[in-house]
Amino acid sequence: MTKPNLVWMLKLLKIPLEHVCELPRCGLIVTVDCQYGAGNVSKFEGCAFAVIDHHRPEIPEGPLVTIQPSLGSCSTLVWDLMRREGFDFASHPEVFTALYYGLFTDTNSLSEMRHPLDRDLSEFMPVDWAVIKKLKNSMLSIEELEVVAETLSSSEAIGNMGLLKSCPCDPNLLGFSSDIAQQVEQFGSCVVYCRVPTGLKLSIRSAVREVMANELAAFLTGGVGSGGGNIEKAGGYINLEHLKKTYPGVTPDDFLRSRIEEYQNGFDLVYCDNHDIDFSSMRRFRKLPIPVGYARTEDMFPEGTQISIRTLEGDVDTVASKDTYLMIGIRGEAYPIKKTRHEESYDATDAPFIPDAEYAPTVTDKVTGEKKSALPFARTCIPKGGKIIRAHELSRNTKVFSNWDREKYFYGRAGDYIAAPEADFKDAYIINREIFDMTYCNADEP
């Protein structure tokens, strides 16, 4: 191990590290950030094993196998497991600092966090910032600086998107290169990539609201890998074996280039404050009386608090007030709604609401960073039979900028629905097809 930042990490955090080729018989081996039984992990006979990892599963499931590929870093999984067991991080800041830095490096300086738990870890305390600062400023050697220079000289433009290829290198160098490339005037967004032994590693940046970096990453890697991050910075991975099986004969470089071209021509844009969609000609649908949830934002934070609502679909920014409620769907999907619209559309109850959700929506004070789960404040409400929407199935991928957030769009795939309340055709939004089929029926049929 020669990378300067890793050498400093071991020294400053006093992490014991030893490379061994043999082990005495032991009761249990725990492999972290890898999978015992996969090709890159040595086997030791006669030992039971446990697995904690965030990569795609390469081994069978088991009682001691915990794999969550939706996470951006294995540090997130380790932190979550320790937190659930009540580990006292306050008394061991060096442990949390190591986990924080693991997330920091895995997600390109926290810019490519894939899951809400990644963001939760990034905001947890305590961190030894002096150590983090030293590690952040020990990232590059002279040789790596030369790699960055060569990468930047390889740029090409596909529409208003830049594509740059690097020689095999540390993922952080890709992020460093893409941060610089995004400053080129002609590039609204950019993709920097390099070959790794098992495929392609991508670093993605966007400076225009019509392209969210995390959504672009998911599109480029769809079906052959994984990708995620935030609206400005994201990362991805294309698995070579999956690519060969799905697109035989196509090289990784050609595949990436064709995906970028497909993306550029593959979606429509809808701006709620300026669109000419003829919702009046669309079919009418009625929301079924399936219980959903709502929470009053003023119950969570004082009136006027700038808040961010965190869900699996991303973050939505708004302001806590007596006039703003938070709707919570059957799968944990969440979005703001005006109090008047809620009262017109739903019958409220005082019964608690607990959705079948992978991640419970959370609400954060954007100034203080205070975070609260929405579920303790959530109550059940029943859609009124009179709520009618106009909706149409999408034939093309579509991005809708809603009245709630003019800088972030809701992404609908072909087969999803674009919809608007019959009372306000400017209030357009996207409904996932699965959720639409479960919660709406034809309003003109008995």
Protein backbone atom coordinates (compact mmCIF):
# COMPACT_ATOMS: atom_id res chain seq x y z
CA MET A 1 0.00 0.00 0.00
CA THR A 2 1.72 3.14 -1.26
CA LYS A 3 -1.01 5.75 -1.84
CA PRO A 4 -0.09 8.69 0.41
CA ASN A 5 -3.58 9.27 1.80
CA LEU A 6 -4.01 5.61 2.82
CA VAL A 7 -0.57 5.48 4.41
CA TRP A 8 -1.45 8.59 6.44
CA MET A 9 -4.85 7.14 7.36
CA LEU A 10 -3.30 4.03 8.91
CA LYS A 11 -0.80 6.15 10.80
CA LEU A 12 -3.11 8.90 12.10
CA LEU A 13 -5.98 6.61 13.09
CA LYS A 14 -3.66 3.88 14.42
CA ILE A 15 -5.25 1.15 12.29
CA PRO A 16 -3.36 -2.18 12.52
CA LEU A 17 -2.96 -3.78 9.09
CA GLU A 18 -1.22 -7.01 8.21
CA HIS A 19 -1.10 -9.02 5.00
CA VAL A 20 -1.16 -12.78 5.54
CA CYS A 21 -1.24 -15.76 3.23
CA GLU A 22 -2.02 -18.30 5.96
CA LEU A 23 -4.24 -18.29 9.03
CA PRO A 24 -4.52 -20.71 11.94
CA ARG A 25 -7.89 -22.43 12.28
CA CYS A 26 -10.36 -19.94 13.69
CA GLY A 27 -14.04 -19.77 14.58
CA LEU A 28 -15.09 -17.01 12.21
CA ILE A 29 -13.65 -14.87 9.42
CA VAL A 30 -15.42 -11.59 8.66
CA THR A 31 -14.81 -10.16 5.19
CA VAL A 32 -15.68 -6.50 4.71
CA ASP A 33 -16.06 -4.68 1.37
CA CYS A 34 -15.57 -8.00 -0.39
CA GLN A 35 -17.19 -11.43 -0.52
CA TYR A 36 -15.64 -14.62 0.80
CA GLY A 37 -15.86 -17.12 -2.02
CA ALA A 38 -15.51 -14.56 -4.81
CA GLY A 39 -12.52 -14.60 -7.10
CA ASN A 40 -10.59 -11.80 -5.42
CA VAL A 41 -10.69 -13.22 -1.86
CA SER A 42 -8.37 -15.96 -0.59
CA LYS A 43 -9.99 -18.97 1.00
CA PHE A 44 -8.91 -20.40 4.33
CA GLU A 45 -10.07 -23.92 4.99
CA GLY A 46 -11.99 -24.94 8.08
CA CYS A 47 -13.29 -21.50 8.99
CA ALA A 48 -16.81 -20.17 9.11
CA PHE A 49 -17.22 -16.81 7.41
CA ALA A 50 -19.40 -13.72 7.50
CA VAL A 51 -19.75 -11.16 4.70
CA ILE A 52 -20.43 -7.42 4.93
CA ASP A 53 -20.39 -5.82 1.49
CA HIS A 54 -22.02 -3.33 -0.86
CA HIS A 55 -21.04 -4.78 -4.23
CA ARG A 56 -23.26 -6.93 -6.44
CA PRO A 57 -23.76 -10.38 -4.87
CA GLU A 58 -21.32 -12.99 -6.14
CA ILE A 59 -22.06 -15.65 -3.52
CA PRO A 60 -25.24 -17.33 -2.25
CA GLU A 61 -27.30 -15.74 0.50
CA GLY A 62 -26.77 -16.97 4.03
CA PRO A 63 -27.47 -16.12 7.68
CA LEU A 64 -24.11 -14.36 8.02
CA VAL A 65 -24.15 -12.67 4.60
CA THR A 66 -25.18 -8.99 4.54
CA ILE A 67 -24.89 -7.39 1.11
CA GLN A 68 -26.51 -4.07 0.15
CA PRO A 69 -25.42 -3.05 -3.38
CA SER A 70 -27.61 0.07 -3.30
CA LEU A 71 -25.14 1.74 -0.90
CA GLY A 72 -22.33 3.93 -2.17
CA SER A 73 -19.81 2.61 0.36
CA CYS A 74 -19.35 -0.41 2.58
CA SER A 75 -18.54 2.08 5.34
CA THR A 76 -22.22 3.02 5.35
CA LEU A 77 -23.26 -0.57 5.97
CA VAL A 78 -20.70 -1.05 8.75
CA TRP A 79 -21.77 2.23 10.38
CA ASP A 80 -25.45 1.30 10.17
CA LEU A 81 -24.85 -2.16 11.69
CA MET A 82 -22.78 -0.70 14.54
CA ARG A 83 -25.29 2.09 15.15
CA ARG A 84 -28.15 -0.40 15.37
CA GLU A 85 -26.17 -2.30 18.01
CA GLY A 86 -25.71 0.87 20.08
CA PHE A 87 -21.98 1.41 19.46
CA ASP A 88 -20.75 4.56 21.25
CA PHE A 89 -19.16 6.55 18.41
CA ALA A 90 -18.80 9.62 20.63
CA SER A 91 -16.27 7.75 22.78
CA HIS A 92 -14.42 6.42 19.72
CA PRO A 93 -14.16 9.27 17.20
CA GLU A 94 -11.31 7.51 15.40
CA VAL A 95 -13.71 4.71 14.42
CA PHE A 96 -16.25 7.07 12.93
CA THR A 97 -13.55 9.15 11.26
CA ALA A 98 -12.30 6.02 9.48
CA LEU A 99 -15.83 5.14 8.35
CA TYR A 100 -16.50 8.71 7.24
CA TYR A 101 -13.30 8.75 5.18
CA GLY A 102 -14.22 5.41 3.65
CA LEU A 103 -17.49 6.95 2.46
CA PHE A 104 -15.63 10.07 1.37
CA THR A 105 -13.25 8.13 -0.88
CA ASP A 106 -15.81 5.62 -2.20
CA THR A 107 -18.23 8.37 -3.25
CA ASN A 108 -15.74 10.79 -4.78
CA SER A 109 -15.63 13.28 -1.93
CA LEU A 110 -19.29 12.63 -0.98
CA SER A 111 -20.49 13.70 -4.45
CA GLU A 112 -21.71 10.28 -5.59
CA MET A 113 -23.74 9.06 -2.61
CA ARG A 114 -26.32 6.56 -3.89
CA HIS A 115 -28.60 5.96 -0.94
CA PRO A 116 -30.18 8.04 1.83
CA LEU A 117 -28.14 6.09 4.40
CA ASP A 118 -24.97 7.33 2.69
CA ARG A 119 -26.16 10.89 3.23
CA ASP A 120 -27.13 10.06 6.82
CA LEU A 121 -23.60 8.83 7.52
CA SER A 122 -22.09 11.95 5.91
CA GLU A 123 -24.02 14.13 8.38
CA PHE A 124 -23.34 12.03 11.50
CA MET A 125 -20.87 13.10 14.18
CA PRO A 126 -18.20 13.13 15.54
CA VAL A 127 -15.45 13.46 12.92
CA ASP A 128 -11.81 14.35 13.55
CA TRP A 129 -11.67 17.11 10.94
CA ALA A 130 -7.94 17.62 11.35
CA VAL A 131 -7.38 14.04 10.19
CA ILE A 132 -9.84 14.41 7.32
CA LYS A 133 -8.15 17.62 6.19
CA LYS A 134 -4.74 15.94 6.16
CA LEU A 135 -6.06 12.97 4.20
CA LYS A 136 -7.88 15.19 1.70
CA ASN A 137 -4.65 17.04 1.01
CA SER A 138 -2.60 13.90 0.46
CA MET A 139 -4.52 12.58 -2.51
CA LEU A 140 -2.17 13.06 -5.46
CA SER A 141 1.35 12.08 -6.33
CA ILE A 142 3.27 13.63 -9.24
CA GLU A 143 2.53 10.52 -11.31
CA GLU A 144 -1.20 10.87 -10.67
CA LEU A 145 -1.11 14.53 -11.63
CA GLU A 146 0.27 13.44 -15.01
CA VAL A 147 -2.69 11.03 -15.38
CA VAL A 148 -5.13 13.91 -14.83
CA ALA A 149 -3.35 16.04 -17.44
CA GLU A 150 -3.55 13.23 -20.00
CA THR A 151 -7.24 12.67 -19.25
CA LEU A 152 -8.14 16.32 -19.81
CA SER A 153 -6.38 16.31 -23.18
CA SER A 154 -8.65 13.47 -24.42
CA SER A 155 -11.96 15.38 -24.40
CA GLU A 156 -14.61 15.09 -27.09
CA ALA A 157 -18.06 16.65 -27.29
CA ILE A 158 -21.25 14.64 -27.85
CA GLY A 159 -23.86 17.36 -28.18
CA ASN A 160 -23.27 19.56 -25.14
CA MET A 161 -21.88 16.66 -23.10
CA GLY A 162 -18.17 16.07 -22.68
CA LEU A 163 -16.65 12.58 -22.82
CA LEU A 164 -13.12 12.01 -21.53
CA LYS A 165 -11.14 8.78 -21.19
CA SER A 166 -8.50 8.18 -18.55
CA CYS A 167 -5.93 5.46 -18.24
CA PRO A 168 -6.63 3.01 -15.37
CA CYS A 169 -6.39 4.98 -12.14
CA ASP A 170 -7.81 5.51 -8.67
CA PRO A 171 -11.52 6.51 -8.80
CA ASN A 172 -10.71 9.77 -7.02
CA LEU A 173 -8.62 10.87 -9.99
CA LEU A 174 -11.70 10.49 -12.17
CA GLY A 175 -13.62 12.79 -9.87
CA PHE A 176 -10.79 15.30 -9.82
CA SER A 177 -10.66 15.26 -13.63
CA SER A 178 -14.43 15.58 -14.05
CA ASP A 179 -14.56 18.53 -11.64
CA ILE A 180 -12.12 20.36 -13.93
CA ALA A 181 -13.78 19.24 -17.18
CA GLN A 182 -17.16 20.51 -16.00
CA GLN A 183 -15.76 24.02 -16.02
CA VAL A 184 -15.46 23.96 -19.82
CA GLU A 185 -17.98 26.40 -21.26
CA GLN A 186 -19.27 24.04 -23.96
CA PHE A 187 -20.03 21.19 -21.57
CA GLY A 188 -23.41 21.27 -19.83
CA SER A 189 -22.44 17.91 -18.35
CA CYS A 190 -19.51 15.53 -18.67
CA VAL A 191 -18.54 11.88 -18.24
CA VAL A 192 -15.00 10.81 -17.38
CA TYR A 193 -14.25 7.09 -17.46
CA CYS A 194 -11.49 4.53 -17.25
CA ARG A 195 -11.10 0.80 -17.65
CA VAL A 196 -10.84 -1.33 -14.53
CA PRO A 197 -10.22 -5.09 -14.59
CA THR A 198 -13.95 -5.91 -14.57
CA GLY A 199 -15.41 -3.07 -16.62
CA LEU A 200 -15.66 0.73 -16.72
CA LYS A 201 -15.65 3.21 -13.85
CA LEU A 202 -17.50 6.49 -14.50
CA SER A 203 -17.42 9.93 -12.90
CA ILE A 204 -20.24 12.26 -13.96
CA ARG A 205 -20.87 15.98 -13.52
CA SER A 206 -23.73 18.27 -14.53
CA ALA A 207 -24.12 22.04 -14.44
CA VAL A 208 -27.55 22.28 -16.11
CA ARG A 209 -30.90 21.61 -14.45
CA GLU A 210 -32.11 19.49 -17.37
CA VAL A 211 -29.58 16.77 -16.51
CA MET A 212 -29.31 15.36 -12.98
CA ALA A 213 -25.96 13.63 -12.66
CA ASN A 214 -27.38 10.75 -10.58
CA GLU A 215 -30.16 10.11 -13.10
CA LEU A 216 -27.65 10.20 -15.99
CA ALA A 217 -25.45 7.72 -14.12
CA ALA A 218 -28.39 5.35 -13.65
CA PHE A 219 -29.27 5.61 -17.36
CA LEU A 220 -25.73 4.99 -18.62
CA THR A 221 -25.29 1.90 -16.44
CA GLY A 222 -28.84 0.54 -16.62
CA GLY A 223 -28.94 -3.23 -17.06
CA VAL A 224 -25.16 -3.61 -17.07
CA GLY A 225 -24.01 -2.04 -13.82
CA SER A 226 -24.98 0.54 -11.23
CA GLY A 227 -24.80 4.28 -10.72
CA GLY A 228 -25.89 7.05 -8.37
CA GLY A 229 -24.98 10.24 -6.57
CA ASN A 230 -26.61 13.67 -6.40
CA ILE A 231 -27.92 16.13 -8.97
CA GLU A 232 -24.52 17.69 -9.71
CA LYS A 233 -22.07 14.86 -9.09
CA ALA A 234 -22.44 11.12 -9.54
CA GLY A 235 -20.56 7.95 -10.37
CA GLY A 236 -21.20 4.65 -12.03
CA TYR A 237 -19.83 1.26 -12.96
CA ILE A 238 -20.36 -0.85 -16.09
CA ASN A 239 -19.72 -4.56 -15.52
CA LEU A 240 -17.88 -6.16 -18.43
CA GLU A 241 -19.44 -9.61 -17.97
CA HIS A 242 -22.96 -8.19 -17.86
CA LEU A 243 -22.19 -6.12 -20.95
CA LYS A 244 -20.95 -9.15 -22.89
CA LYS A 245 -24.05 -11.15 -22.02
CA THR A 246 -26.50 -8.37 -22.84
CA TYR A 247 -24.72 -6.78 -25.81
CA PRO A 248 -22.40 -9.40 -27.33
CA GLY A 249 -19.73 -8.00 -29.59
CA VAL A 250 -20.09 -4.40 -28.34
CA THR A 251 -16.98 -2.88 -26.81
CA PRO A 252 -17.34 -1.00 -23.49
CA ASP A 253 -16.19 2.27 -25.09
CA ASP A 254 -18.69 2.00 -27.96
CA PHE A 255 -21.46 1.05 -25.55
CA LEU A 256 -20.84 4.09 -23.37
CA ARG A 257 -20.73 6.42 -26.35
CA SER A 258 -23.98 5.01 -27.78
CA ARG A 259 -25.71 5.30 -24.39
CA ILE A 260 -24.72 8.97 -24.19
CA GLU A 261 -26.11 9.59 -27.68
CA GLU A 262 -29.30 7.70 -26.76
CA TYR A 263 -29.69 9.75 -23.60
CA GLN A 264 -29.29 13.06 -25.40
CA ASN A 265 -32.16 12.23 -27.76
CA GLY A 266 -34.23 10.10 -25.39
CA PHE A 267 -36.41 12.36 -23.25
CA ASP A 268 -38.97 15.17 -23.34
CA LEU A 269 -38.99 18.17 -21.00
CA VAL A 270 -42.06 19.57 -19.24
CA TYR A 271 -41.95 22.85 -17.29
CA CYS A 272 -45.05 23.28 -15.12
CA ASP A 273 -44.94 27.07 -15.46
CA ASN A 274 -44.75 26.88 -19.25
CA HIS A 275 -46.13 23.87 -21.11
CA ASP A 276 -48.77 23.23 -23.77
CA ILE A 277 -49.77 19.66 -22.86
CA ASP A 278 -53.46 19.06 -23.62
CA PHE A 279 -54.49 17.37 -20.36
CA SER A 280 -58.16 18.07 -21.16
CA SER A 281 -58.09 15.39 -23.88
CA MET A 282 -56.63 12.73 -21.57
CA ARG A 283 -58.58 10.01 -19.77
CA ARG A 284 -60.01 10.74 -16.34
CA PHE A 285 -58.89 8.67 -13.35
CA ARG A 286 -60.10 8.52 -9.76
CA LYS A 287 -57.81 7.78 -6.84
CA LEU A 288 -58.82 4.63 -5.00
CA PRO A 289 -59.61 4.90 -1.27
CA ILE A 290 -56.33 3.25 -0.27
CA PRO A 291 -54.94 4.67 3.00
CA VAL A 292 -51.84 6.82 2.61
CA GLY A 293 -49.98 9.07 5.00
CA TYR A 294 -49.58 12.77 5.68
CA ALA A 295 -47.56 14.84 8.13
CA ARG A 296 -47.76 18.53 8.96
CA THR A 297 -44.40 20.16 8.36
CA GLU A 298 -45.09 22.68 11.16
CA ASP A 299 -45.25 19.74 13.60
CA MET A 300 -41.70 18.80 12.66
CA PHE A 301 -40.07 22.23 12.43
CA PRO A 302 -41.09 25.82 13.27
CA GLU A 303 -42.89 27.98 10.72
CA GLY A 304 -40.49 29.35 8.10
CA THR A 305 -37.78 26.70 8.53
CA GLN A 306 -36.01 25.85 5.27
CA ILE A 307 -36.29 22.06 5.06
CA SER A 308 -35.17 19.26 2.76
CA ILE A 309 -37.33 16.16 2.41
CA ARG A 310 -35.18 13.08 1.83
CA THR A 311 -36.65 10.04 0.10
CA LEU A 312 -35.40 7.18 -2.04
CA GLU A 313 -36.30 9.27 -5.09
CA GLY A 314 -34.06 12.13 -3.95
CA ASP A 315 -34.31 15.35 -1.96
CA VAL A 316 -37.06 17.97 -2.31
CA ASP A 317 -36.62 21.41 -0.77
CA THR A 318 -39.47 23.47 0.69
CA VAL A 319 -40.40 25.56 3.75
CA ALA A 320 -42.15 24.31 6.89
CA SER A 321 -45.47 26.03 7.43
CA LYS A 322 -49.02 25.44 8.56
CA ASP A 323 -50.00 25.46 4.86
CA THR A 324 -47.56 22.74 3.77
CA TYR A 325 -48.09 19.04 4.41
CA LEU A 326 -45.94 16.07 3.51
CA MET A 327 -47.68 13.22 1.69
CA ILE A 328 -46.28 9.71 2.20
CA GLY A 329 -47.29 6.99 -0.23
CA ILE A 330 -47.70 3.25 0.16
CA ARG A 331 -44.07 2.61 -0.80
CA GLY A 332 -42.64 5.46 1.26
CA GLU A 333 -42.56 7.92 -1.65
CA ALA A 334 -42.98 11.45 -0.33
CA TYR A 335 -43.78 14.89 -1.70
CA PRO A 336 -45.11 18.23 -0.41
CA ILE A 337 -48.76 19.22 -0.80
CA LYS A 338 -50.65 22.38 0.10
CA LYS A 339 -53.00 22.09 3.09
CA THR A 340 -55.97 23.25 1.02
CA ARG A 341 -55.29 20.65 -1.67
CA HIS A 342 -54.94 17.96 0.98
CA GLU A 343 -58.24 18.89 2.63
CA GLU A 344 -59.97 18.86 -0.76
CA SER A 345 -58.55 15.46 -1.69
CA TYR A 346 -58.28 13.42 1.53
CA ASP A 347 -60.19 12.58 4.70
CA ALA A 348 -57.70 12.87 7.56
CA THR A 349 -57.57 10.53 10.57
CA ASP A 350 -55.42 10.38 13.70
CA ALA A 351 -54.32 6.79 13.08
CA PRO A 352 -50.54 6.34 12.66
CA PHE A 353 -49.28 5.58 9.16
CA ILE A 354 -46.45 3.08 8.61
CA PRO A 355 -45.64 2.38 4.94
CA ASP A 356 -43.94 -0.73 3.58
CA ALA A 357 -40.84 1.24 2.66
CA GLU A 358 -37.16 0.45 2.20
CA TYR A 359 -36.24 3.86 3.58
CA ALA A 360 -38.49 6.04 5.72
CA PRO A 361 -38.58 9.66 4.51
CA THR A 362 -36.67 12.10 6.68
CA VAL A 363 -36.87 15.88 6.98
CA THR A 364 -33.80 18.04 7.65
CA ASP A 365 -33.45 21.64 8.80
CA LYS A 366 -31.20 23.02 6.05
CA VAL A 367 -29.63 25.60 8.40
CA THR A 368 -28.94 23.61 11.58
CA GLY A 369 -28.75 20.14 10.02
CA GLU A 370 -31.24 18.73 12.54
CA LYS A 371 -32.84 15.62 11.09
CA LYS A 372 -36.19 14.02 11.93
CA SER A 373 -37.91 10.93 10.60
CA ALA A 374 -41.29 11.80 9.12
CA LEU A 375 -42.99 8.61 10.34
CA PRO A 376 -43.53 9.58 14.01
CA PHE A 377 -45.48 12.58 12.70
CA ALA A 378 -47.35 10.67 10.00
CA ARG A 379 -51.07 10.04 10.21
CA THR A 380 -53.34 8.08 7.92
CA CYS A 381 -55.64 9.74 5.41
CA ILE A 382 -58.09 8.30 2.89
CA PRO A 383 -58.43 9.69 -0.65
CA LYS A 384 -61.86 11.20 -1.27
CA GLY A 385 -63.84 9.65 -4.09
CA GLY A 386 -64.13 12.99 -5.83
CA LYS A 387 -60.42 13.47 -6.57
CA ILE A 388 -60.05 13.27 -10.34
CA ILE A 389 -56.87 13.53 -12.37
CA ARG A 390 -56.15 13.48 -16.08
CA ALA A 391 -53.33 11.13 -17.02
CA HIS A 392 -51.64 9.59 -20.01
CA GLU A 393 -49.09 6.82 -20.36
CA LEU A 394 -45.69 8.07 -21.45
CA SER A 395 -44.30 6.80 -24.74
CA ARG A 396 -40.93 8.51 -24.12
CA ASN A 397 -38.86 9.19 -21.05
CA THR A 398 -39.95 12.55 -19.64
CA LYS A 399 -38.59 15.05 -17.13
CA VAL A 400 -41.11 17.24 -15.31
CA PHE A 401 -40.12 20.38 -13.40
CA SER A 402 -42.86 20.77 -10.78
CA ASN A 403 -44.26 23.87 -9.09
CA TRP A 404 -42.51 22.79 -5.87
CA ASP A 405 -38.94 22.73 -7.14
CA ARG A 406 -37.87 24.51 -10.33
CA GLU A 407 -34.29 23.16 -10.18
CA LYS A 408 -35.01 19.42 -9.85
CA TYR A 409 -37.17 17.30 -12.10
CA PHE A 410 -39.25 14.19 -11.60
CA TYR A 411 -38.15 11.53 -14.07
CA GLY A 412 -40.71 9.34 -15.76
CA ARG A 413 -39.84 6.36 -17.91
CA ALA A 414 -41.82 5.15 -20.88
CA GLY A 415 -44.79 3.29 -19.37
CA ASP A 416 -45.09 5.61 -16.37
CA TYR A 417 -47.82 8.26 -16.35
CA ILE A 418 -47.83 12.02 -16.63
CA ALA A 419 -50.77 13.47 -14.72
CA ALA A 420 -52.38 16.66 -13.44
CA PRO A 421 -55.36 17.38 -11.17
CA GLU A 422 -58.50 18.18 -13.15
CA ALA A 423 -58.65 21.45 -11.22
CA ASP A 424 -55.17 22.64 -12.24
CA PHE A 425 -53.53 21.39 -15.43
CA LYS A 426 -50.36 23.38 -14.69
CA ASP A 427 -49.69 21.15 -11.65
CA ALA A 428 -48.19 18.33 -13.72
CA TYR A 429 -46.29 15.44 -12.16
CA ILE A 430 -45.10 11.87 -12.77
CA ILE A 431 -46.69 8.73 -11.31
CA ASN A 432 -44.75 5.47 -11.33
CA ARG A 433 -46.63 2.85 -13.33
CA GLU A 434 -46.70 0.29 -10.52
CA ILE A 435 -48.06 2.83 -8.05
CA PHE A 436 -50.54 4.17 -10.62
CA ASP A 437 -51.95 0.69 -11.27
CA MET A 438 -52.37 0.13 -7.52
CA THR A 439 -53.94 3.47 -6.62
CA TYR A 440 -56.05 4.72 -9.55
CA CYS A 441 -59.05 3.51 -11.54
CA ASN A 442 -60.98 4.78 -14.59
CA ALA A 443 -63.19 7.61 -13.36
CA ASP A 444 -65.76 7.17 -16.15
CA GLU A 445 -66.51 3.52 -15.45
CA PRO A 446 -69.03 2.47 -12.76
